[in-house]
Amino acid sequence: MILAIHNLKPARGAKHGPKRVGRGNASGHGTYSGRGGKGQTARSGGSHRLRLKAFKRLMQSTPKLRGFNNPRRRPSMATTGQLEKYFSVGEIVNLSALIKKGLIEANANAARIVFNGEVKKKLVVEGLVLSAHAAEAVKKAGGEVKQTEVVKPVENK
């Protein structure tokens, strides 16, 4: 016999017949037909155990959020007075430098510099949000403002 796709068969003993339950005690699957004792799970359509267990396992394995993550969280604030106090002449002021100096939280992903005190040192501010007044103060001291967003104050009417 030539082996071809149309006459392939599984190996002998690889396939099993269906489990014949409820055919008397001599069959080995009599009396309760492999369903155990009485109750909901012994009835047809009464078993929901696997689905519930799978759901519970899924719920237990997913990480839970603790607390509240505010999507409109304001950026961490630092002031021009703090820049004057903690940074030396010519130093670069960016997010990582502010975190290193302890001026903002370690998990901050944005920072805003607002005006509160004069800047007399020449600083390079980059990658931060500055108020218009703070940007003016840094430039007035001879510093640079690179790749930053300058926010103009909102006028009250």
Foldseek 3Di string as FASTA:
>chain_A
DDDDPVPDDDDPPPDDDDQDACPDVVSVQHDQNPQDDDDQSSDPPSDPPVVVVVVVVVVVPDDDDPDDDDPPDDFAEDELVVCQVQPAAAEEDEDVVCVVSVVGPPPTPAYEYEYDDAHQHAYEYEDHEYEPVSQVRNVVNVHYYYHYHYHYDDDDD
